[in-house]
Amino acid sequence: MGSEWHGPLDNRNIKVNLDSQIIVNKMKQPITRHQPYYFIVKECQQLAFNQNWTVSIQHCYREANRVADHLTNLGVDQTAVSASFEFPQIRLSPS
């Protein structure tokens, strides 16, 4: 997942890019109690949409967000509670 601020720091517009179209659809559509993961989705919707900010949720392809994907994969394999990096972990520009 990626996010970026639009406008000055006091602006409350947030853009969220997710690489799962299924999650984008779940976040944008009303959910009923009998649906899977109701409580998790409902909590995410309340956090995103019932605040003093405007949230835009969009789909992006995983390839477009290589850094987030790479860091996610590192986190899955990591046993330490936290990690810090002095150098970029992947090359972002073509060779």
PDB file of N, CA and C in Angstrom:
ATOM      1  N   MET A   1       0.839  -1.148   0.000  1.00  0.00           N
ATOM      2  CA  MET A   1       0.000   0.000   0.000  1.00  0.00           C
ATOM      3  C   MET A   1       0.892   1.221   0.000  1.00  0.00           C
ATOM      4  N   GLY A   2       0.491   2.263  -0.755  1.00  0.00           N
ATOM      5  CA  GLY A   2       1.219   3.516  -0.760  1.00  0.00           C
ATOM      6  C   GLY A   2       0.278   4.656  -0.445  1.00  0.00           C
ATOM      7  N   SER A   3       0.821   5.740   0.052  1.00  0.00           N
ATOM      8  CA  SER A   3       0.004   6.922   0.307  1.00  0.00           C
ATOM      9  C   SER A   3       0.829   8.153   0.001  1.00  0.00           C
ATOM     10  N   GLU A   4       0.137   9.239  -0.311  1.00  0.00           N
ATOM     11  CA  GLU A   4       0.848  10.485  -0.540  1.00  0.00           C
ATOM     12  C   GLU A   4      -0.055  11.646  -0.146  1.00  0.00           C
ATOM     13  N   TRP A   5       0.570  12.718   0.332  1.00  0.00           N
ATOM     14  CA  TRP A   5      -0.163  13.919   0.709  1.00  0.00           C
ATOM     15  C   TRP A   5      -0.317  14.805  -0.500  1.00  0.00           C
ATOM     16  N   HIS A   6      -1.463  15.442  -0.642  1.00  0.00           N
ATOM     17  CA  HIS A   6      -1.708  16.415  -1.700  1.00  0.00           C
ATOM     18  C   HIS A   6      -1.967  17.761  -1.058  1.00  0.00           C
ATOM     19  N   GLY A   7      -1.134  18.735  -1.359  1.00  0.00           N
ATOM     20  CA  GLY A   7      -1.339  20.062  -0.826  1.00  0.00           C
ATOM     21  C   GLY A   7      -0.487  20.324   0.404  1.00  0.00           C
ATOM     22  N   PRO A   8      -0.733  21.463   1.059  1.00  0.00           N
ATOM     23  CA  PRO A   8       0.044  21.824   2.243  1.00  0.00           C
ATOM     24  C   PRO A   8      -0.188  20.839   3.383  1.00  0.00           C
ATOM     25  N   LEU A   9       0.674  20.871   4.389  1.00  0.00           N
ATOM     26  CA  LEU A   9       0.600  19.921   5.493  1.00  0.00           C
ATOM     27  C   LEU A   9      -0.715  19.994   6.263  1.00  0.00           C
ATOM     28  N   ASP A  10      -1.375  21.156   6.272  1.00  0.00           N
ATOM     29  CA  ASP A  10      -2.648  21.246   6.985  1.00  0.00           C
ATOM     30  C   ASP A  10      -3.820  20.773   6.129  1.00  0.00           C
ATOM     31  N   ASN A  11      -3.564  20.416   4.881  1.00  0.00           N
ATOM     32  CA  ASN A  11      -4.593  19.875   4.007  1.00  0.00           C
ATOM     33  C   ASN A  11      -4.882  18.443   4.428  1.00  0.00           C
ATOM     34  N   ARG A  12      -6.120  18.035   4.412  1.00  0.00           N
ATOM     35  CA  ARG A  12      -6.505  16.716   4.906  1.00  0.00           C
ATOM     36  C   ARG A  12      -6.942  15.790   3.766  1.00  0.00           C
ATOM     37  N   ASN A  13      -6.303  15.887   2.600  1.00  0.00           N
ATOM     38  CA  ASN A  13      -6.593  15.007   1.476  1.00  0.00           C
ATOM     39  C   ASN A  13      -5.527  13.929   1.399  1.00  0.00           C
ATOM     40  N   ILE A  14      -5.948  12.664   1.424  1.00  0.00           N
ATOM     41  CA  ILE A  14      -5.015  11.550   1.411  1.00  0.00           C
ATOM     42  C   ILE A  14      -5.354  10.634   0.249  1.00  0.00           C
ATOM     43  N   LYS A  15      -4.335  10.251  -0.489  1.00  0.00           N
ATOM     44  CA  LYS A  15      -4.495   9.311  -1.596  1.00  0.00           C
ATOM     45  C   LYS A  15      -3.830   7.998  -1.200  1.00  0.00           C
ATOM     46  N   VAL A  16      -4.587   6.899  -1.250  1.00  0.00           N
ATOM     47  CA  VAL A  16      -4.072   5.583  -0.886  1.00  0.00           C
ATOM     48  C   VAL A  16      -4.080   4.708  -2.129  1.00  0.00           C
ATOM     49  N   ASN A  17      -2.933   4.142  -2.459  1.00  0.00           N
ATOM     50  CA  ASN A  17      -2.815   3.217  -3.587  1.00  0.00           C
ATOM     51  C   ASN A  17      -2.624   1.815  -3.043  1.00  0.00           C
ATOM     52  N   LEU A  18      -3.498   0.903  -3.452  1.00  0.00           N
ATOM     53  CA  LEU A  18      -3.427  -0.488  -3.021  1.00  0.00           C
ATOM     54  C   LEU A  18      -3.220  -1.374  -4.230  1.00  0.00           C
ATOM     55  N   ASP A  19      -2.405  -2.413  -4.076  1.00  0.00           N
ATOM     56  CA  ASP A  19      -2.176  -3.304  -5.211  1.00  0.00           C
ATOM     57  C   ASP A  19      -3.149  -4.482  -5.237  1.00  0.00           C
ATOM     58  N   SER A  20      -4.186  -4.432  -4.427  1.00  0.00           N
ATOM     59  CA  SER A  20      -5.231  -5.462  -4.442  1.00  0.00           C
ATOM     60  C   SER A  20      -6.555  -4.829  -4.842  1.00  0.00           C
ATOM     61  N   GLN A  21      -7.027  -5.159  -6.031  1.00  0.00           N
ATOM     62  CA  GLN A  21      -8.303  -4.626  -6.495  1.00  0.00           C
ATOM     63  C   GLN A  21      -9.453  -5.101  -5.597  1.00  0.00           C
ATOM     64  N   ILE A  22      -9.327  -6.294  -5.045  1.00  0.00           N
ATOM     65  CA  ILE A  22     -10.362  -6.827  -4.150  1.00  0.00           C
ATOM     66  C   ILE A  22     -10.510  -5.938  -2.913  1.00  0.00           C
ATOM     67  N   ILE A  23      -9.386  -5.539  -2.330  1.00  0.00           N
ATOM     68  CA  ILE A  23      -9.428  -4.686  -1.136  1.00  0.00           C
ATOM     69  C   ILE A  23      -9.965  -3.305  -1.491  1.00  0.00           C
ATOM     70  N   VAL A  24      -9.570  -2.765  -2.641  1.00  0.00           N
ATOM     71  CA  VAL A  24     -10.098  -1.473  -3.089  1.00  0.00           C
ATOM     72  C   VAL A  24     -11.615  -1.550  -3.165  1.00  0.00           C
ATOM     73  N   ASN A  25     -12.142  -2.610  -3.797  1.00  0.00           N
ATOM     74  CA  ASN A  25     -13.590  -2.765  -3.921  1.00  0.00           C
ATOM     75  C   ASN A  25     -14.264  -2.894  -2.555  1.00  0.00           C
ATOM     76  N   LYS A  26     -13.669  -3.684  -1.646  1.00  0.00           N
ATOM     77  CA  LYS A  26     -14.248  -3.851  -0.305  1.00  0.00           C
ATOM     78  C   LYS A  26     -14.296  -2.519   0.447  1.00  0.00           C
ATOM     79  N   MET A  27     -13.248  -1.713   0.300  1.00  0.00           N
ATOM     80  CA  MET A  27     -13.201  -0.427   0.998  1.00  0.00           C
ATOM     81  C   MET A  27     -14.230   0.557   0.447  1.00  0.00           C
ATOM     82  N   LYS A  28     -14.514   0.484  -0.841  1.00  0.00           N
ATOM     83  CA  LYS A  28     -15.410   1.450  -1.473  1.00  0.00           C
ATOM     84  C   LYS A  28     -16.885   1.063  -1.384  1.00  0.00           C
ATOM     85  N   GLN A  29     -17.189  -0.203  -1.143  1.00  0.00           N
ATOM     86  CA  GLN A  29     -18.579  -0.662  -1.142  1.00  0.00           C
ATOM     87  C   GLN A  29     -19.067  -0.865   0.295  1.00  0.00           C
ATOM     88  N   PRO A  30     -20.371  -0.648   0.510  1.00  0.00           N
ATOM     89  CA  PRO A  30     -20.922  -0.949   1.840  1.00  0.00           C
ATOM     90  C   PRO A  30     -20.752  -2.433   2.153  1.00  0.00           C
ATOM     91  N   ILE A  31     -20.584  -2.753   3.416  1.00  0.00           N
ATOM     92  CA  ILE A  31     -20.385  -4.138   3.823  1.00  0.00           C
ATOM     93  C   ILE A  31     -21.482  -4.524   4.822  1.00  0.00           C
ATOM     94  N   THR A  32     -21.917  -5.773   4.738  1.00  0.00           N
ATOM     95  CA  THR A  32     -22.934  -6.266   5.661  1.00  0.00           C
ATOM     96  C   THR A  32     -22.311  -7.290   6.604  1.00  0.00           C
ATOM     97  N   ARG A  33     -22.941  -7.529   7.731  1.00  0.00           N
ATOM     98  CA  ARG A  33     -22.401  -8.389   8.781  1.00  0.00           C
ATOM     99  C   ARG A  33     -22.097  -9.814   8.335  1.00  0.00           C
ATOM    100  N   HIS A  34     -22.822 -10.323   7.373  1.00  0.00           N
ATOM    101  CA  HIS A  34     -22.619 -11.723   6.970  1.00  0.00           C
ATOM    102  C   HIS A  34     -21.434 -11.911   6.024  1.00  0.00           C
ATOM    103  N   GLN A  35     -20.796 -10.827   5.592  1.00  0.00           N
ATOM    104  CA  GLN A  35     -19.662 -10.944   4.675  1.00  0.00           C
ATOM    105  C   GLN A  35     -18.381 -11.303   5.434  1.00  0.00           C
ATOM    106  N   PRO A  36     -17.476 -12.045   4.756  1.00  0.00           N
ATOM    107  CA  PRO A  36     -16.197 -12.391   5.405  1.00  0.00           C
ATOM    108  C   PRO A  36     -15.416 -11.128   5.797  1.00  0.00           C
ATOM    109  N   TYR A  37     -14.745 -11.203   6.921  1.00  0.00           N
ATOM    110  CA  TYR A  37     -13.883 -10.126   7.416  1.00  0.00           C
ATOM    111  C   TYR A  37     -14.648  -8.836   7.709  1.00  0.00           C
ATOM    112  N   TYR A  38     -15.923  -8.959   8.051  1.00  0.00           N
ATOM    113  CA  TYR A  38     -16.773  -7.789   8.278  1.00  0.00           C
ATOM    114  C   TYR A  38     -16.132  -6.796   9.244  1.00  0.00           C
ATOM    115  N   PHE A  39     -15.702  -7.263  10.412  1.00  0.00           N
ATOM    116  CA  PHE A  39     -15.215  -6.342  11.440  1.00  0.00           C
ATOM    117  C   PHE A  39     -13.930  -5.637  11.023  1.00  0.00           C
ATOM    118  N   ILE A  40     -13.050  -6.329  10.327  1.00  0.00           N
ATOM    119  CA  ILE A  40     -11.801  -5.708   9.865  1.00  0.00           C
ATOM    120  C   ILE A  40     -12.093  -4.652   8.803  1.00  0.00           C
ATOM    121  N   VAL A  41     -12.917  -5.010   7.823  1.00  0.00           N
ATOM    122  CA  VAL A  41     -13.243  -4.067   6.743  1.00  0.00           C
ATOM    123  C   VAL A  41     -13.983  -2.863   7.304  1.00  0.00           C
ATOM    124  N   LYS A  42     -14.949  -3.101   8.185  1.00  0.00           N
ATOM    125  CA  LYS A  42     -15.723  -2.006   8.762  1.00  0.00           C
ATOM    126  C   LYS A  42     -14.814  -1.049   9.542  1.00  0.00           C
ATOM    127  N   GLU A  43     -13.880  -1.587  10.303  1.00  0.00           N
ATOM    128  CA  GLU A  43     -12.955  -0.736  11.058  1.00  0.00           C
ATOM    129  C   GLU A  43     -12.082   0.097  10.119  1.00  0.00           C
ATOM    130  N   CYS A  44     -11.610  -0.507   9.036  1.00  0.00           N
ATOM    131  CA  CYS A  44     -10.803   0.231   8.053  1.00  0.00           C
ATOM    132  C   CYS A  44     -11.629   1.324   7.386  1.00  0.00           C
ATOM    133  N   GLN A  45     -12.874   1.018   7.035  1.00  0.00           N
ATOM    134  CA  GLN A  45     -13.746   2.019   6.428  1.00  0.00           C
ATOM    135  C   GLN A  45     -14.000   3.180   7.386  1.00  0.00           C
ATOM    136  N   GLN A  46     -14.255   2.879   8.639  1.00  0.00           N
ATOM    137  CA  GLN A  46     -14.493   3.940   9.619  1.00  0.00           C
ATOM    138  C   GLN A  46     -13.264   4.799   9.815  1.00  0.00           C
ATOM    139  N   LEU A  47     -12.105   4.177   9.866  1.00  0.00           N
ATOM    140  CA  LEU A  47     -10.866   4.929  10.014  1.00  0.00           C
ATOM    141  C   LEU A  47     -10.638   5.853   8.818  1.00  0.00           C
ATOM    142  N   ALA A  48     -10.894   5.341   7.626  1.00  0.00           N
ATOM    143  CA  ALA A  48     -10.620   6.109   6.413  1.00  0.00           C
ATOM    144  C   ALA A  48     -11.675   7.181   6.132  1.00  0.00           C
ATOM    145  N   PHE A  49     -12.946   6.862   6.354  1.00  0.00           N
ATOM    146  CA  PHE A  49     -14.007   7.730   5.840  1.00  0.00           C
ATOM    147  C   PHE A  49     -14.779   8.509   6.900  1.00  0.00           C
ATOM    148  N   ASN A  50     -14.604   8.258   8.169  1.00  0.00           N
ATOM    149  CA  ASN A  50     -15.352   8.966   9.202  1.00  0.00           C
ATOM    150  C   ASN A  50     -14.460   9.919   9.980  1.00  0.00           C
ATOM    151  N   GLN A  51     -13.500  10.502   9.331  1.00  0.00           N
ATOM    152  CA  GLN A  51     -12.570  11.413   9.988  1.00  0.00           C
ATOM    153  C   GLN A  51     -12.674  12.790   9.339  1.00  0.00           C
ATOM    154  N   ASN A  52     -11.815  13.683   9.763  1.00  0.00           N
ATOM    155  CA  ASN A  52     -11.801  15.038   9.210  1.00  0.00           C
ATOM    156  C   ASN A  52     -10.852  15.151   8.028  1.00  0.00           C
ATOM    157  N   TRP A  53     -10.828  14.137   7.190  1.00  0.00           N
ATOM    158  CA  TRP A  53     -10.001  14.180   5.999  1.00  0.00           C
ATOM    159  C   TRP A  53     -10.735  13.526   4.844  1.00  0.00           C
ATOM    160  N   THR A  54     -10.243  13.756   3.651  1.00  0.00           N
ATOM    161  CA  THR A  54     -10.806  13.156   2.452  1.00  0.00           C
ATOM    162  C   THR A  54      -9.833  12.092   1.971  1.00  0.00           C
ATOM    163  N   VAL A  55     -10.304  10.866   1.861  1.00  0.00           N
ATOM    164  CA  VAL A  55      -9.460   9.746   1.466  1.00  0.00           C
ATOM    165  C   VAL A  55      -9.892   9.262   0.095  1.00  0.00           C
ATOM    166  N   SER A  56      -8.924   9.131  -0.803  1.00  0.00           N
ATOM    167  CA  SER A  56      -9.148   8.570  -2.129  1.00  0.00           C
ATOM    168  C   SER A  56      -8.407   7.238  -2.189  1.00  0.00           C
ATOM    169  N   ILE A  57      -9.153   6.163  -2.479  1.00  0.00           N
ATOM    170  CA  ILE A  57      -8.551   4.836  -2.539  1.00  0.00           C
ATOM    171  C   ILE A  57      -8.557   4.375  -3.985  1.00  0.00           C
ATOM    172  N   GLN A  58      -7.381   4.021  -4.497  1.00  0.00           N
ATOM    173  CA  GLN A  58      -7.239   3.622  -5.891  1.00  0.00           C
ATOM    174  C   GLN A  58      -6.397   2.360  -5.994  1.00  0.00           C
ATOM    175  N   HIS A  59      -6.598   1.651  -7.083  1.00  0.00           N
ATOM    176  CA  HIS A  59      -5.802   0.453  -7.366  1.00  0.00           C
ATOM    177  C   HIS A  59      -4.550   0.845  -8.141  1.00  0.00           C
ATOM    178  N   CYS A  60      -3.435   0.230  -7.821  1.00  0.00           N
ATOM    179  CA  CYS A  60      -2.223   0.360  -8.624  1.00  0.00           C
ATOM    180  C   CYS A  60      -1.634  -1.037  -8.782  1.00  0.00           C
ATOM    181  N   TYR A  61      -0.981  -1.276  -9.870  1.00  0.00           N
ATOM    182  CA  TYR A  61      -0.375  -2.580 -10.099  1.00  0.00           C
ATOM    183  C   TYR A  61       0.855  -2.738  -9.218  1.00  0.00           C
ATOM    184  N   ARG A  62       1.080  -3.929  -8.734  1.00  0.00           N
ATOM    185  CA  ARG A  62       2.187  -4.209  -7.828  1.00  0.00           C
ATOM    186  C   ARG A  62       3.518  -3.767  -8.435  1.00  0.00           C
ATOM    187  N   GLU A  63       3.671  -3.934  -9.725  1.00  0.00           N
ATOM    188  CA  GLU A  63       4.921  -3.546 -10.392  1.00  0.00           C
ATOM    189  C   GLU A  63       5.173  -2.049 -10.255  1.00  0.00           C
ATOM    190  N   ALA A  64       4.103  -1.262 -10.113  1.00  0.00           N
ATOM    191  CA  ALA A  64       4.248   0.188  -9.982  1.00  0.00           C
ATOM    192  C   ALA A  64       4.682   0.580  -8.574  1.00  0.00           C
ATOM    193  N   ASN A  65       4.626  -0.348  -7.656  1.00  0.00           N
ATOM    194  CA  ASN A  65       4.976  -0.049  -6.273  1.00  0.00           C
ATOM    195  C   ASN A  65       6.015  -1.058  -5.777  1.00  0.00           C
ATOM    196  N   ARG A  66       7.117  -1.155  -6.483  1.00  0.00           N
ATOM    197  CA  ARG A  66       8.137  -2.169  -6.196  1.00  0.00           C
ATOM    198  C   ARG A  66       8.770  -2.022  -4.821  1.00  0.00           C
ATOM    199  N   VAL A  67       8.949  -0.785  -4.368  1.00  0.00           N
ATOM    200  CA  VAL A  67       9.587  -0.584  -3.073  1.00  0.00           C
ATOM    201  C   VAL A  67       8.706  -1.137  -1.956  1.00  0.00           C
ATOM    202  N   ALA A  68       7.418  -0.796  -1.970  1.00  0.00           N
ATOM    203  CA  ALA A  68       6.509  -1.303  -0.939  1.00  0.00           C
ATOM    204  C   ALA A  68       6.432  -2.825  -0.988  1.00  0.00           C
ATOM    205  N   ASP A  69       6.394  -3.378  -2.183  1.00  0.00           N
ATOM    206  CA  ASP A  69       6.341  -4.833  -2.331  1.00  0.00           C
ATOM    207  C   ASP A  69       7.609  -5.479  -1.766  1.00  0.00           C
ATOM    208  N   HIS A  70       8.750  -4.893  -2.060  1.00  0.00           N
ATOM    209  CA  HIS A  70      10.017  -5.430  -1.565  1.00  0.00           C
ATOM    210  C   HIS A  70      10.087  -5.363  -0.039  1.00  0.00           C
ATOM    211  N   LEU A  71       9.694  -4.225   0.539  1.00  0.00           N
ATOM    212  CA  LEU A  71       9.725  -4.084   1.993  1.00  0.00           C
ATOM    213  C   LEU A  71       8.740  -5.047   2.665  1.00  0.00           C
ATOM    214  N   THR A  72       7.610  -5.281   2.032  1.00  0.00           N
ATOM    215  CA  THR A  72       6.651  -6.253   2.561  1.00  0.00           C
ATOM    216  C   THR A  72       7.266  -7.641   2.599  1.00  0.00           C
ATOM    217  N   ASN A  73       7.924  -8.018   1.522  1.00  0.00           N
ATOM    218  CA  ASN A  73       8.569  -9.327   1.472  1.00  0.00           C
ATOM    219  C   ASN A  73       9.682  -9.444   2.512  1.00  0.00           C
ATOM    220  N   LEU A  74      10.434  -8.366   2.735  1.00  0.00           N
ATOM    221  CA  LEU A  74      11.460  -8.383   3.778  1.00  0.00           C
ATOM    222  C   LEU A  74      10.832  -8.598   5.150  1.00  0.00           C
ATOM    223  N   GLY A  75       9.702  -7.944   5.392  1.00  0.00           N
ATOM    224  CA  GLY A  75       9.032  -8.065   6.682  1.00  0.00           C
ATOM    225  C   GLY A  75       8.515  -9.463   6.954  1.00  0.00           C
ATOM    226  N   VAL A  76       8.093 -10.157   5.919  1.00  0.00           N
ATOM    227  CA  VAL A  76       7.590 -11.521   6.083  1.00  0.00           C
ATOM    228  C   VAL A  76       8.700 -12.437   6.571  1.00  0.00           C
ATOM    229  N   ASP A  77       9.902 -12.255   6.043  1.00  0.00           N
ATOM    230  CA  ASP A  77      11.027 -13.122   6.397  1.00  0.00           C
ATOM    231  C   ASP A  77      11.790 -12.665   7.633  1.00  0.00           C
ATOM    232  N   GLN A  78      11.504 -11.484   8.127  1.00  0.00           N
ATOM    233  CA  GLN A  78      12.275 -10.889   9.227  1.00  0.00           C
ATOM    234  C   GLN A  78      11.851 -11.448  10.575  1.00  0.00           C
ATOM    235  N   THR A  79      12.812 -11.734  11.419  1.00  0.00           N
ATOM    236  CA  THR A  79      12.506 -12.205  12.772  1.00  0.00           C
ATOM    237  C   THR A  79      12.657 -11.099  13.803  1.00  0.00           C
ATOM    238  N   ALA A  80      13.428 -10.050  13.492  1.00  0.00           N
ATOM    239  CA  ALA A  80      13.622  -8.929  14.423  1.00  0.00           C
ATOM    240  C   ALA A  80      12.361  -8.062  14.460  1.00  0.00           C
ATOM    241  N   VAL A  81      12.193  -7.317  15.552  1.00  0.00           N
ATOM    242  CA  VAL A  81      11.033  -6.444  15.705  1.00  0.00           C
ATOM    243  C   VAL A  81      11.104  -5.255  14.759  1.00  0.00           C
ATOM    244  N   SER A  82      12.311  -4.738  14.510  1.00  0.00           N
ATOM    245  CA  SER A  82      12.467  -3.599  13.610  1.00  0.00           C
ATOM    246  C   SER A  82      13.764  -3.749  12.815  1.00  0.00           C
ATOM    247  N   ALA A  83      13.861  -2.950  11.767  1.00  0.00           N
ATOM    248  CA  ALA A  83      15.064  -2.969  10.930  1.00  0.00           C
ATOM    249  C   ALA A  83      15.311  -1.562  10.403  1.00  0.00           C
ATOM    250  N   SER A  84      16.571  -1.229  10.187  1.00  0.00           N
ATOM    251  CA  SER A  84      16.920   0.045   9.558  1.00  0.00           C
ATOM    252  C   SER A  84      17.931  -0.239   8.458  1.00  0.00           C
ATOM    253  N   PHE A  85      17.908   0.587   7.434  1.00  0.00           N
ATOM    254  CA  PHE A  85      18.759   0.392   6.273  1.00  0.00           C
ATOM    255  C   PHE A  85      19.550   1.660   6.006  1.00  0.00           C
ATOM    256  N   GLU A  86      20.851   1.493   5.759  1.00  0.00           N
ATOM    257  CA  GLU A  86      21.684   2.640   5.417  1.00  0.00           C
ATOM    258  C   GLU A  86      21.692   2.896   3.922  1.00  0.00           C
ATOM    259  N   PHE A  87      21.413   1.872   3.135  1.00  0.00           N
ATOM    260  CA  PHE A  87      21.434   1.988   1.679  1.00  0.00           C
ATOM    261  C   PHE A  87      20.140   1.429   1.120  1.00  0.00           C
ATOM    262  N   PRO A  88      19.712   1.909  -0.056  1.00  0.00           N
ATOM    263  CA  PRO A  88      18.504   1.344  -0.670  1.00  0.00           C
ATOM    264  C   PRO A  88      18.652  -0.149  -0.865  1.00  0.00           C
ATOM    265  N   GLN A  89      17.570  -0.882  -0.665  1.00  0.00           N
ATOM    266  CA  GLN A  89      17.588  -2.327  -0.769  1.00  0.00           C
ATOM    267  C   GLN A  89      17.419  -2.834  -2.201  1.00  0.00           C
ATOM    268  N   ILE A  90      16.831  -2.017  -3.060  1.00  0.00           N
ATOM    269  CA  ILE A  90      16.638  -2.433  -4.456  1.00  0.00           C
ATOM    270  C   ILE A  90      16.960  -1.251  -5.371  1.00  0.00           C
ATOM    271  N   ARG A  91      17.291  -1.571  -6.586  1.00  0.00           N
ATOM    272  CA  ARG A  91      17.555  -0.548  -7.600  1.00  0.00           C
ATOM    273  C   ARG A  91      16.215  -0.157  -8.227  1.00  0.00           C
ATOM    274  N   LEU A  92      15.901   1.130  -8.233  1.00  0.00           N
ATOM    275  CA  LEU A  92      14.607   1.593  -8.736  1.00  0.00           C
ATOM    276  C   LEU A  92      14.641   2.000 -10.191  1.00  0.00           C
ATOM    277  N   SER A  93      15.792   2.386 -10.685  1.00  0.00           N
ATOM    278  CA  SER A  93      15.873   2.807 -12.080  1.00  0.00           C
ATOM    279  C   SER A  93      16.469   1.683 -12.924  1.00  0.00           C
ATOM    280  N   PRO A  94      16.127   1.670 -14.218  1.00  0.00           N
ATOM    281  CA  PRO A  94      16.695   0.631 -15.092  1.00  0.00           C
ATOM    282  C   PRO A  94      18.201   0.757 -15.189  1.00  0.00           C
ATOM    283  N   SER A  95      18.889  -0.339 -15.406  1.00  0.00           N
ATOM    284  CA  SER A  95      20.360  -0.345 -15.502  1.00  0.00           C
ATOM    285  C   SER A  95      20.853   0.375 -16.720  1.00  0.00           C
TER     286      SER A  95
END
